[in-house]
Amino acid sequence: MAGYNLHIERENQISVEEWLAVCEQDKSLSVQNTALAVNPQTGEAIEVSTPSSCIWTSSILKKKYSFTYSNGSITLGTDKTQLKKAKKIAKILNAKVVGDEGEEY
């Protein structure tokens, strides 16, 4: 079952270089090119390639959130805390936050 996602995007695509520059300038973001998951049934650790993705750690909640770059946009979840950070990132990139169905946040 696929979840609903939000995206940081703009008319002219965001380059990977622009995105990584934002990640490097913001100390609360860190580049993460792989993600580790654990199969709940077998306990097997699975490493997944996530090129040019960044993890944001909320300074208040100390929770980690993923921002995944792909094809000129950045995908994220729908958590309200993450959405606030996404809006700040979008402003830096002169972009907007939209949902899977095109609605603007």
PDB file of N, CA and C in Angstrom:
ATOM      1  N   MET A   1       0.844  -1.169   0.000  1.00  0.00           N
ATOM      2  CA  MET A   1       0.000   0.000   0.000  1.00  0.00           C
ATOM      3  C   MET A   1       0.897   1.242   0.000  1.00  0.00           C
ATOM      4  N   ALA A   2       0.726   2.068  -0.999  1.00  0.00           N
ATOM      5  CA  ALA A   2       1.528   3.288  -1.109  1.00  0.00           C
ATOM      6  C   ALA A   2       0.919   4.392  -0.264  1.00  0.00           C
ATOM      7  N   GLY A   3       1.774   5.201   0.334  1.00  0.00           N
ATOM      8  CA  GLY A   3       1.314   6.319   1.141  1.00  0.00           C
ATOM      9  C   GLY A   3       1.196   7.581   0.315  1.00  0.00           C
ATOM     10  N   TYR A   4       0.645   8.593   0.921  1.00  0.00           N
ATOM     11  CA  TYR A   4       0.512   9.890   0.279  1.00  0.00           C
ATOM     12  C   TYR A   4       1.752  10.703   0.610  1.00  0.00           C
ATOM     13  N   ASN A   5       2.312  11.369  -0.387  1.00  0.00           N
ATOM     14  CA  ASN A   5       3.533  12.139  -0.195  1.00  0.00           C
ATOM     15  C   ASN A   5       3.360  13.598  -0.567  1.00  0.00           C
ATOM     16  N   LEU A   6       4.273  14.403  -0.084  1.00  0.00           N
ATOM     17  CA  LEU A   6       4.386  15.797  -0.465  1.00  0.00           C
ATOM     18  C   LEU A   6       5.691  15.950  -1.236  1.00  0.00           C
ATOM     19  N   HIS A   7       5.768  17.041  -2.021  1.00  0.00           N
ATOM     20  CA  HIS A   7       6.938  17.248  -2.859  1.00  0.00           C
ATOM     21  C   HIS A   7       7.313  18.722  -2.866  1.00  0.00           C
ATOM     22  N   ILE A   8       8.610  18.992  -2.836  1.00  0.00           N
ATOM     23  CA  ILE A   8       9.113  20.343  -3.047  1.00  0.00           C
ATOM     24  C   ILE A   8       9.471  20.402  -4.522  1.00  0.00           C
ATOM     25  N   GLU A   9       8.800  21.314  -5.246  1.00  0.00           N
ATOM     26  CA  GLU A   9       9.060  21.391  -6.680  1.00  0.00           C
ATOM     27  C   GLU A   9       8.833  22.804  -7.197  1.00  0.00           C
ATOM     28  N   ARG A  10       9.299  23.008  -8.404  1.00  0.00           N
ATOM     29  CA  ARG A  10       9.108  24.281  -9.097  1.00  0.00           C
ATOM     30  C   ARG A  10       9.049  24.004 -10.588  1.00  0.00           C
ATOM     31  N   GLU A  11       8.699  25.033 -11.347  1.00  0.00           N
ATOM     32  CA  GLU A  11       8.539  24.860 -12.791  1.00  0.00           C
ATOM     33  C   GLU A  11       9.824  24.350 -13.444  1.00  0.00           C
ATOM     34  N   ASN A  12      10.944  25.050 -13.198  1.00  0.00           N
ATOM     35  CA  ASN A  12      12.226  24.522 -13.682  1.00  0.00           C
ATOM     36  C   ASN A  12      12.788  23.624 -12.581  1.00  0.00           C
ATOM     37  N   GLN A  13      13.150  22.428 -12.952  1.00  0.00           N
ATOM     38  CA  GLN A  13      13.540  21.421 -11.972  1.00  0.00           C
ATOM     39  C   GLN A  13      14.664  21.889 -11.043  1.00  0.00           C
ATOM     40  N   ILE A  14      14.630  21.378  -9.837  1.00  0.00           N
ATOM     41  CA  ILE A  14      15.680  21.618  -8.851  1.00  0.00           C
ATOM     42  C   ILE A  14      16.845  20.699  -9.211  1.00  0.00           C
ATOM     43  N   SER A  15      18.024  21.265  -9.338  1.00  0.00           N
ATOM     44  CA  SER A  15      19.178  20.416  -9.671  1.00  0.00           C
ATOM     45  C   SER A  15      19.670  19.720  -8.407  1.00  0.00           C
ATOM     46  N   VAL A  16      20.310  18.597  -8.597  1.00  0.00           N
ATOM     47  CA  VAL A  16      20.861  17.861  -7.467  1.00  0.00           C
ATOM     48  C   VAL A  16      21.925  18.706  -6.769  1.00  0.00           C
ATOM     49  N   GLU A  17      22.654  19.514  -7.530  1.00  0.00           N
ATOM     50  CA  GLU A  17      23.677  20.377  -6.934  1.00  0.00           C
ATOM     51  C   GLU A  17      23.043  21.428  -6.017  1.00  0.00           C
ATOM     52  N   GLU A  18      21.924  22.026  -6.461  1.00  0.00           N
ATOM     53  CA  GLU A  18      21.214  22.999  -5.615  1.00  0.00           C
ATOM     54  C   GLU A  18      20.740  22.347  -4.321  1.00  0.00           C
ATOM     55  N   TRP A  19      20.151  21.158  -4.459  1.00  0.00           N
ATOM     56  CA  TRP A  19      19.621  20.447  -3.305  1.00  0.00           C
ATOM     57  C   TRP A  19      20.733  20.107  -2.314  1.00  0.00           C
ATOM     58  N   LEU A  20      21.832  19.565  -2.810  1.00  0.00           N
ATOM     59  CA  LEU A  20      22.926  19.200  -1.919  1.00  0.00           C
ATOM     60  C   LEU A  20      23.563  20.431  -1.276  1.00  0.00           C
ATOM     61  N   ALA A  21      23.571  21.563  -1.981  1.00  0.00           N
ATOM     62  CA  ALA A  21      24.081  22.808  -1.395  1.00  0.00           C
ATOM     63  C   ALA A  21      23.210  23.232  -0.211  1.00  0.00           C
ATOM     64  N   VAL A  22      21.890  23.092  -0.344  1.00  0.00           N
ATOM     65  CA  VAL A  22      20.979  23.402   0.770  1.00  0.00           C
ATOM     66  C   VAL A  22      21.280  22.477   1.949  1.00  0.00           C
ATOM     67  N   CYS A  23      21.463  21.194   1.663  1.00  0.00           N
ATOM     68  CA  CYS A  23      21.753  20.225   2.726  1.00  0.00           C
ATOM     69  C   CYS A  23      23.058  20.548   3.443  1.00  0.00           C
ATOM     70  N   GLU A  24      24.052  20.981   2.690  1.00  0.00           N
ATOM     71  CA  GLU A  24      25.352  21.291   3.287  1.00  0.00           C
ATOM     72  C   GLU A  24      25.308  22.570   4.116  1.00  0.00           C
ATOM     73  N   GLN A  25      24.499  23.541   3.716  1.00  0.00           N
ATOM     74  CA  GLN A  25      24.428  24.830   4.428  1.00  0.00           C
ATOM     75  C   GLN A  25      23.585  24.754   5.691  1.00  0.00           C
ATOM     76  N   ASP A  26      22.657  23.826   5.742  1.00  0.00           N
ATOM     77  CA  ASP A  26      21.754  23.698   6.887  1.00  0.00           C
ATOM     78  C   ASP A  26      22.282  22.599   7.803  1.00  0.00           C
ATOM     79  N   LYS A  27      22.751  22.985   8.971  1.00  0.00           N
ATOM     80  CA  LYS A  27      23.370  22.021   9.901  1.00  0.00           C
ATOM     81  C   LYS A  27      22.385  20.988  10.442  1.00  0.00           C
ATOM     82  N   SER A  28      21.068  21.234  10.293  1.00  0.00           N
ATOM     83  CA  SER A  28      20.086  20.254  10.769  1.00  0.00           C
ATOM     84  C   SER A  28      19.801  19.174   9.722  1.00  0.00           C
ATOM     85  N   LEU A  29      20.373  19.333   8.515  1.00  0.00           N
ATOM     86  CA  LEU A  29      20.224  18.343   7.443  1.00  0.00           C
ATOM     87  C   LEU A  29      21.540  17.599   7.248  1.00  0.00           C
ATOM     88  N   SER A  30      21.457  16.319   6.956  1.00  0.00           N
ATOM     89  CA  SER A  30      22.662  15.558   6.639  1.00  0.00           C
ATOM     90  C   SER A  30      22.375  14.640   5.455  1.00  0.00           C
ATOM     91  N   VAL A  31      23.324  14.611   4.537  1.00  0.00           N
ATOM     92  CA  VAL A  31      23.189  13.772   3.347  1.00  0.00           C
ATOM     93  C   VAL A  31      23.269  12.310   3.763  1.00  0.00           C
ATOM     94  N   GLN A  32      22.368  11.517   3.209  1.00  0.00           N
ATOM     95  CA  GLN A  32      22.359  10.086   3.509  1.00  0.00           C
ATOM     96  C   GLN A  32      22.105   9.343   2.209  1.00  0.00           C
ATOM     97  N   ASN A  33      23.138   8.685   1.683  1.00  0.00           N
ATOM     98  CA  ASN A  33      23.028   7.994   0.402  1.00  0.00           C
ATOM     99  C   ASN A  33      22.549   6.550   0.511  1.00  0.00           C
ATOM    100  N   THR A  34      22.396   6.069   1.745  1.00  0.00           N
ATOM    101  CA  THR A  34      21.831   4.738   1.970  1.00  0.00           C
ATOM    102  C   THR A  34      20.922   4.787   3.198  1.00  0.00           C
ATOM    103  N   ALA A  35      19.948   3.931   3.192  1.00  0.00           N
ATOM    104  CA  ALA A  35      19.045   3.814   4.346  1.00  0.00           C
ATOM    105  C   ALA A  35      19.040   2.356   4.788  1.00  0.00           C
ATOM    106  N   LEU A  36      18.919   2.157   6.070  1.00  0.00           N
ATOM    107  CA  LEU A  36      18.894   0.809   6.626  1.00  0.00           C
ATOM    108  C   LEU A  36      17.502   0.521   7.155  1.00  0.00           C
ATOM    109  N   ALA A  37      16.952  -0.612   6.741  1.00  0.00           N
ATOM    110  CA  ALA A  37      15.640  -1.045   7.224  1.00  0.00           C
ATOM    111  C   ALA A  37      15.775  -2.470   7.739  1.00  0.00           C
ATOM    112  N   VAL A  38      14.872  -2.860   8.621  1.00  0.00           N
ATOM    113  CA  VAL A  38      14.886  -4.213   9.168  1.00  0.00           C
ATOM    114  C   VAL A  38      13.570  -4.885   8.813  1.00  0.00           C
ATOM    115  N   ASN A  39      13.672  -6.066   8.217  1.00  0.00           N
ATOM    116  CA  ASN A  39      12.487  -6.845   7.891  1.00  0.00           C
ATOM    117  C   ASN A  39      11.846  -7.289   9.205  1.00  0.00           C
ATOM    118  N   PRO A  40      10.601  -6.865   9.487  1.00  0.00           N
ATOM    119  CA  PRO A  40       9.982  -7.190  10.772  1.00  0.00           C
ATOM    120  C   PRO A  40       9.712  -8.682  10.972  1.00  0.00           C
ATOM    121  N   GLN A  41       9.602  -9.428   9.883  1.00  0.00           N
ATOM    122  CA  GLN A  41       9.321 -10.861  10.004  1.00  0.00           C
ATOM    123  C   GLN A  41      10.578 -11.691  10.195  1.00  0.00           C
ATOM    124  N   THR A  42      11.657 -11.307   9.489  1.00  0.00           N
ATOM    125  CA  THR A  42      12.872 -12.119   9.553  1.00  0.00           C
ATOM    126  C   THR A  42      13.973 -11.485  10.403  1.00  0.00           C
ATOM    127  N   GLY A  43      13.868 -10.183  10.649  1.00  0.00           N
ATOM    128  CA  GLY A  43      14.912  -9.488  11.379  1.00  0.00           C
ATOM    129  C   GLY A  43      16.112  -9.156  10.519  1.00  0.00           C
ATOM    130  N   GLU A  44      16.041  -9.498   9.226  1.00  0.00           N
ATOM    131  CA  GLU A  44      17.143  -9.235   8.311  1.00  0.00           C
ATOM    132  C   GLU A  44      17.284  -7.732   8.068  1.00  0.00           C
ATOM    133  N   ALA A  45      18.520  -7.246   8.140  1.00  0.00           N
ATOM    134  CA  ALA A  45      18.806  -5.841   7.843  1.00  0.00           C
ATOM    135  C   ALA A  45      18.946  -5.687   6.331  1.00  0.00           C
ATOM    136  N   ILE A  46      18.296  -4.668   5.799  1.00  0.00           N
ATOM    137  CA  ILE A  46      18.313  -4.414   4.360  1.00  0.00           C
ATOM    138  C   ILE A  46      18.833  -2.999   4.141  1.00  0.00           C
ATOM    139  N   GLU A  47      19.849  -2.868   3.304  1.00  0.00           N
ATOM    140  CA  GLU A  47      20.379  -1.554   2.973  1.00  0.00           C
ATOM    141  C   GLU A  47      19.843  -1.149   1.606  1.00  0.00           C
ATOM    142  N   VAL A  48      19.272   0.066   1.539  1.00  0.00           N
ATOM    143  CA  VAL A  48      18.663   0.564   0.314  1.00  0.00           C
ATOM    144  C   VAL A  48      19.421   1.813  -0.126  1.00  0.00           C
ATOM    145  N   SER A  49      19.721   1.892  -1.416  1.00  0.00           N
ATOM    146  CA  SER A  49      20.392   3.063  -1.957  1.00  0.00           C
ATOM    147  C   SER A  49      19.408   4.236  -2.022  1.00  0.00           C
ATOM    148  N   THR A  50      19.789   5.375  -1.459  1.00  0.00           N
ATOM    149  CA  THR A  50      18.959   6.583  -1.474  1.00  0.00           C
ATOM    150  C   THR A  50      19.836   7.758  -1.907  1.00  0.00           C
ATOM    151  N   PRO A  51      20.287   7.759  -3.174  1.00  0.00           N
ATOM    152  CA  PRO A  51      21.224   8.791  -3.605  1.00  0.00           C
ATOM    153  C   PRO A  51      20.652  10.199  -3.437  1.00  0.00           C
ATOM    154  N   SER A  52      21.470  11.084  -2.919  1.00  0.00           N
ATOM    155  CA  SER A  52      21.132  12.505  -2.763  1.00  0.00           C
ATOM    156  C   SER A  52      19.948  12.760  -1.841  1.00  0.00           C
ATOM    157  N   SER A  53      19.716  11.882  -0.908  1.00  0.00           N
ATOM    158  CA  SER A  53      18.672  12.108   0.090  1.00  0.00           C
ATOM    159  C   SER A  53      19.290  12.756   1.325  1.00  0.00           C
ATOM    160  N   CYS A  54      18.464  13.480   2.055  1.00  0.00           N
ATOM    161  CA  CYS A  54      18.935  14.105   3.287  1.00  0.00           C
ATOM    162  C   CYS A  54      18.000  13.754   4.431  1.00  0.00           C
ATOM    163  N   ILE A  55      18.577  13.648   5.585  1.00  0.00           N
ATOM    164  CA  ILE A  55      17.812  13.409   6.805  1.00  0.00           C
ATOM    165  C   ILE A  55      17.803  14.703   7.603  1.00  0.00           C
ATOM    166  N   TRP A  56      16.623  15.097   8.045  1.00  0.00           N
ATOM    167  CA  TRP A  56      16.480  16.262   8.902  1.00  0.00           C
ATOM    168  C   TRP A  56      16.127  15.778  10.293  1.00  0.00           C
ATOM    169  N   THR A  57      16.835  16.274  11.289  1.00  0.00           N
ATOM    170  CA  THR A  57      16.534  15.949  12.671  1.00  0.00           C
ATOM    171  C   THR A  57      15.910  17.172  13.319  1.00  0.00           C
ATOM    172  N   SER A  58      14.665  17.023  13.757  1.00  0.00           N
ATOM    173  CA  SER A  58      13.949  18.108  14.421  1.00  0.00           C
ATOM    174  C   SER A  58      14.637  18.434  15.734  1.00  0.00           C
ATOM    175  N   SER A  59      14.979  19.711  15.923  1.00  0.00           N
ATOM    176  CA  SER A  59      15.675  20.109  17.150  1.00  0.00           C
ATOM    177  C   SER A  59      14.772  19.999  18.375  1.00  0.00           C
ATOM    178  N   ILE A  60      13.458  20.093  18.167  1.00  0.00           N
ATOM    179  CA  ILE A  60      12.517  20.023  19.285  1.00  0.00           C
ATOM    180  C   ILE A  60      12.149  18.578  19.608  1.00  0.00           C
ATOM    181  N   LEU A  61      11.715  17.827  18.584  1.00  0.00           N
ATOM    182  CA  LEU A  61      11.254  16.451  18.799  1.00  0.00           C
ATOM    183  C   LEU A  61      12.376  15.419  18.788  1.00  0.00           C
ATOM    184  N   LYS A  62      13.546  15.813  18.254  1.00  0.00           N
ATOM    185  CA  LYS A  62      14.683  14.887  18.101  1.00  0.00           C
ATOM    186  C   LYS A  62      14.306  13.696  17.219  1.00  0.00           C
ATOM    187  N   LYS A  63      13.334  13.897  16.339  1.00  0.00           N
ATOM    188  CA  LYS A  63      12.878  12.860  15.416  1.00  0.00           C
ATOM    189  C   LYS A  63      13.532  13.097  14.057  1.00  0.00           C
ATOM    190  N   LYS A  64      13.805  12.003  13.340  1.00  0.00           N
ATOM    191  CA  LYS A  64      14.442  12.101  12.027  1.00  0.00           C
ATOM    192  C   LYS A  64      13.396  11.980  10.923  1.00  0.00           C
ATOM    193  N   TYR A  65      13.553  12.835   9.907  1.00  0.00           N
ATOM    194  CA  TYR A  65      12.646  12.865   8.763  1.00  0.00           C
ATOM    195  C   TYR A  65      13.474  12.798   7.483  1.00  0.00           C
ATOM    196  N   SER A  66      12.962  12.080   6.495  1.00  0.00           N
ATOM    197  CA  SER A  66      13.666  11.899   5.235  1.00  0.00           C
ATOM    198  C   SER A  66      13.149  12.862   4.165  1.00  0.00           C
ATOM    199  N   PHE A  67      14.087  13.443   3.412  1.00  0.00           N
ATOM    200  CA  PHE A  67      13.804  14.243   2.224  1.00  0.00           C
ATOM    201  C   PHE A  67      14.546  13.558   1.083  1.00  0.00           C
ATOM    202  N   THR A  68      13.815  13.026   0.106  1.00  0.00           N
ATOM    203  CA  THR A  68      14.405  12.222  -0.958  1.00  0.00           C
ATOM    204  C   THR A  68      14.380  12.959  -2.288  1.00  0.00           C
ATOM    205  N   TYR A  69      15.539  13.182  -2.865  1.00  0.00           N
ATOM    206  CA  TYR A  69      15.658  13.868  -4.156  1.00  0.00           C
ATOM    207  C   TYR A  69      15.511  12.862  -5.285  1.00  0.00           C
ATOM    208  N   SER A  70      14.710  13.238  -6.294  1.00  0.00           N
ATOM    209  CA  SER A  70      14.578  12.407  -7.489  1.00  0.00           C
ATOM    210  C   SER A  70      13.977  13.230  -8.618  1.00  0.00           C
ATOM    211  N   ASN A  71      14.600  13.180  -9.773  1.00  0.00           N
ATOM    212  CA  ASN A  71      14.068  13.806 -10.988  1.00  0.00           C
ATOM    213  C   ASN A  71      13.647  15.258 -10.812  1.00  0.00           C
ATOM    214  N   GLY A  72      14.457  16.037 -10.118  1.00  0.00           N
ATOM    215  CA  GLY A  72      14.215  17.469 -10.025  1.00  0.00           C
ATOM    216  C   GLY A  72      13.270  17.928  -8.943  1.00  0.00           C
ATOM    217  N   SER A  73      12.838  17.023  -8.085  1.00  0.00           N
ATOM    218  CA  SER A  73      11.994  17.423  -6.954  1.00  0.00           C
ATOM    219  C   SER A  73      12.403  16.632  -5.713  1.00  0.00           C
ATOM    220  N   ILE A  74      11.878  17.068  -4.570  1.00  0.00           N
ATOM    221  CA  ILE A  74      12.223  16.443  -3.291  1.00  0.00           C
ATOM    222  C   ILE A  74      10.940  15.913  -2.664  1.00  0.00           C
ATOM    223  N   THR A  75      10.932  14.647  -2.305  1.00  0.00           N
ATOM    224  CA  THR A  75       9.749  13.995  -1.755  1.00  0.00           C
ATOM    225  C   THR A  75       9.900  13.840  -0.250  1.00  0.00           C
ATOM    226  N   LEU A  76       8.789  14.028   0.439  1.00  0.00           N
ATOM    227  CA  LEU A  76       8.767  13.921   1.897  1.00  0.00           C
ATOM    228  C   LEU A  76       7.429  13.357   2.344  1.00  0.00           C
ATOM    229  N   GLY A  77       7.313  13.104   3.634  1.00  0.00           N
ATOM    230  CA  GLY A  77       6.065  12.607   4.203  1.00  0.00           C
ATOM    231  C   GLY A  77       5.096  13.740   4.488  1.00  0.00           C
ATOM    232  N   THR A  78       4.025  13.424   5.198  1.00  0.00           N
ATOM    233  CA  THR A  78       2.966  14.399   5.457  1.00  0.00           C
ATOM    234  C   THR A  78       2.928  14.896   6.897  1.00  0.00           C
ATOM    235  N   ASP A  79       3.897  14.529   7.689  1.00  0.00           N
ATOM    236  CA  ASP A  79       3.948  14.971   9.083  1.00  0.00           C
ATOM    237  C   ASP A  79       3.980  16.505   9.137  1.00  0.00           C
ATOM    238  N   LYS A  80       3.188  17.105  10.020  1.00  0.00           N
ATOM    239  CA  LYS A  80       3.097  18.574  10.108  1.00  0.00           C
ATOM    240  C   LYS A  80       4.432  19.219  10.444  1.00  0.00           C
ATOM    241  N   THR A  81       5.215  18.575  11.283  1.00  0.00           N
ATOM    242  CA  THR A  81       6.528  19.115  11.640  1.00  0.00           C
ATOM    243  C   THR A  81       7.436  19.120  10.420  1.00  0.00           C
ATOM    244  N   GLN A  82       7.422  18.038   9.657  1.00  0.00           N
ATOM    245  CA  GLN A  82       8.238  17.954   8.453  1.00  0.00           C
ATOM    246  C   GLN A  82       7.748  18.946   7.400  1.00  0.00           C
ATOM    247  N   LEU A  83       6.450  19.151   7.309  1.00  0.00           N
ATOM    248  CA  LEU A  83       5.891  20.111   6.360  1.00  0.00           C
ATOM    249  C   LEU A  83       6.412  21.517   6.649  1.00  0.00           C
ATOM    250  N   LYS A  84       6.511  21.898   7.911  1.00  0.00           N
ATOM    251  CA  LYS A  84       7.049  23.224   8.260  1.00  0.00           C
ATOM    252  C   LYS A  84       8.476  23.381   7.752  1.00  0.00           C
ATOM    253  N   LYS A  85       9.297  22.351   7.937  1.00  0.00           N
ATOM    254  CA  LYS A  85      10.676  22.398   7.448  1.00  0.00           C
ATOM    255  C   LYS A  85      10.693  22.438   5.924  1.00  0.00           C
ATOM    256  N   ALA A  86       9.811  21.676   5.290  1.00  0.00           N
ATOM    257  CA  ALA A  86       9.742  21.642   3.824  1.00  0.00           C
ATOM    258  C   ALA A  86       9.418  23.023   3.254  1.00  0.00           C
ATOM    259  N   LYS A  87       8.541  23.756   3.914  1.00  0.00           N
ATOM    260  CA  LYS A  87       8.198  25.097   3.449  1.00  0.00           C
ATOM    261  C   LYS A  87       9.406  26.032   3.519  1.00  0.00           C
ATOM    262  N   LYS A  88      10.239  25.872   4.553  1.00  0.00           N
ATOM    263  CA  LYS A  88      11.452  26.681   4.670  1.00  0.00           C
ATOM    264  C   LYS A  88      12.440  26.327   3.557  1.00  0.00           C
ATOM    265  N   ILE A  89      12.574  25.036   3.284  1.00  0.00           N
ATOM    266  CA  ILE A  89      13.462  24.587   2.209  1.00  0.00           C
ATOM    267  C   ILE A  89      12.943  25.092   0.865  1.00  0.00           C
ATOM    268  N   ALA A  90      11.637  24.990   0.653  1.00  0.00           N
ATOM    269  CA  ALA A  90      11.028  25.442  -0.608  1.00  0.00           C
ATOM    270  C   ALA A  90      11.301  26.927  -0.840  1.00  0.00           C
ATOM    271  N   LYS A  91      11.220  27.711   0.212  1.00  0.00           N
ATOM    272  CA  LYS A  91      11.474  29.152   0.079  1.00  0.00           C
ATOM    273  C   LYS A  91      12.908  29.408  -0.388  1.00  0.00           C
ATOM    274  N   ILE A  92      13.859  28.685   0.177  1.00  0.00           N
ATOM    275  CA  ILE A  92      15.266  28.826  -0.218  1.00  0.00           C
ATOM    276  C   ILE A  92      15.447  28.484  -1.694  1.00  0.00           C
ATOM    277  N   LEU A  93      14.721  27.472  -2.159  1.00  0.00           N
ATOM    278  CA  LEU A  93      14.846  26.995  -3.537  1.00  0.00           C
ATOM    279  C   LEU A  93      13.891  27.695  -4.506  1.00  0.00           C
ATOM    280  N   ASN A  94      13.159  28.702  -4.007  1.00  0.00           N
ATOM    281  CA  ASN A  94      12.157  29.392  -4.826  1.00  0.00           C
ATOM    282  C   ASN A  94      11.190  28.371  -5.436  1.00  0.00           C
ATOM    283  N   ALA A  95      10.717  27.485  -4.582  1.00  0.00           N
ATOM    284  CA  ALA A  95       9.837  26.391  -4.996  1.00  0.00           C
ATOM    285  C   ALA A  95       8.585  26.403  -4.130  1.00  0.00           C
ATOM    286  N   LYS A  96       7.753  25.379  -4.280  1.00  0.00           N
ATOM    287  CA  LYS A  96       6.552  25.253  -3.460  1.00  0.00           C
ATOM    288  C   LYS A  96       6.394  23.810  -3.017  1.00  0.00           C
ATOM    289  N   VAL A  97       5.578  23.605  -2.004  1.00  0.00           N
ATOM    290  CA  VAL A  97       5.280  22.264  -1.508  1.00  0.00           C
ATOM    291  C   VAL A  97       3.910  21.878  -2.044  1.00  0.00           C
ATOM    292  N   VAL A  98       3.855  20.745  -2.734  1.00  0.00           N
ATOM    293  CA  VAL A  98       2.590  20.266  -3.298  1.00  0.00           C
ATOM    294  C   VAL A  98       2.372  18.804  -2.914  1.00  0.00           C
ATOM    295  N   GLY A  99       1.109  18.387  -2.949  1.00  0.00           N
ATOM    296  CA  GLY A  99       0.764  17.011  -2.669  1.00  0.00           C
ATOM    297  C   GLY A  99       0.764  16.173  -3.925  1.00  0.00           C
ATOM    298  N   ASP A 100       0.556  14.877  -3.776  1.00  0.00           N
ATOM    299  CA  ASP A 100       0.519  13.956  -4.915  1.00  0.00           C
ATOM    300  C   ASP A 100      -0.534  14.354  -5.945  1.00  0.00           C
ATOM    301  N   GLU A 101      -1.583  15.022  -5.513  1.00  0.00           N
ATOM    302  CA  GLU A 101      -2.657  15.402  -6.428  1.00  0.00           C
ATOM    303  C   GLU A 101      -2.513  16.838  -6.917  1.00  0.00           C
ATOM    304  N   GLY A 102      -1.373  17.485  -6.635  1.00  0.00           N
ATOM    305  CA  GLY A 102      -1.085  18.816  -7.155  1.00  0.00           C
ATOM    306  C   GLY A 102      -1.513  19.967  -6.281  1.00  0.00           C
ATOM    307  N   GLU A 103      -2.151  19.688  -5.145  1.00  0.00           N
ATOM    308  CA  GLU A 103      -2.600  20.776  -4.252  1.00  0.00           C
ATOM    309  C   GLU A 103      -1.408  21.400  -3.545  1.00  0.00           C
ATOM    310  N   GLU A 104      -1.433  22.717  -3.406  1.00  0.00           N
ATOM    311  CA  GLU A 104      -0.322  23.445  -2.792  1.00  0.00           C
ATOM    312  C   GLU A 104      -0.527  23.579  -1.291  1.00  0.00           C
ATOM    313  N   TYR A 105       0.544  23.422  -0.543  1.00  0.00           N
ATOM    314  CA  TYR A 105       0.505  23.565   0.918  1.00  0.00           C
ATOM    315  C   TYR A 105       1.179  24.850   1.339  1.00  0.00           C
TER     316      TYR A 105
END
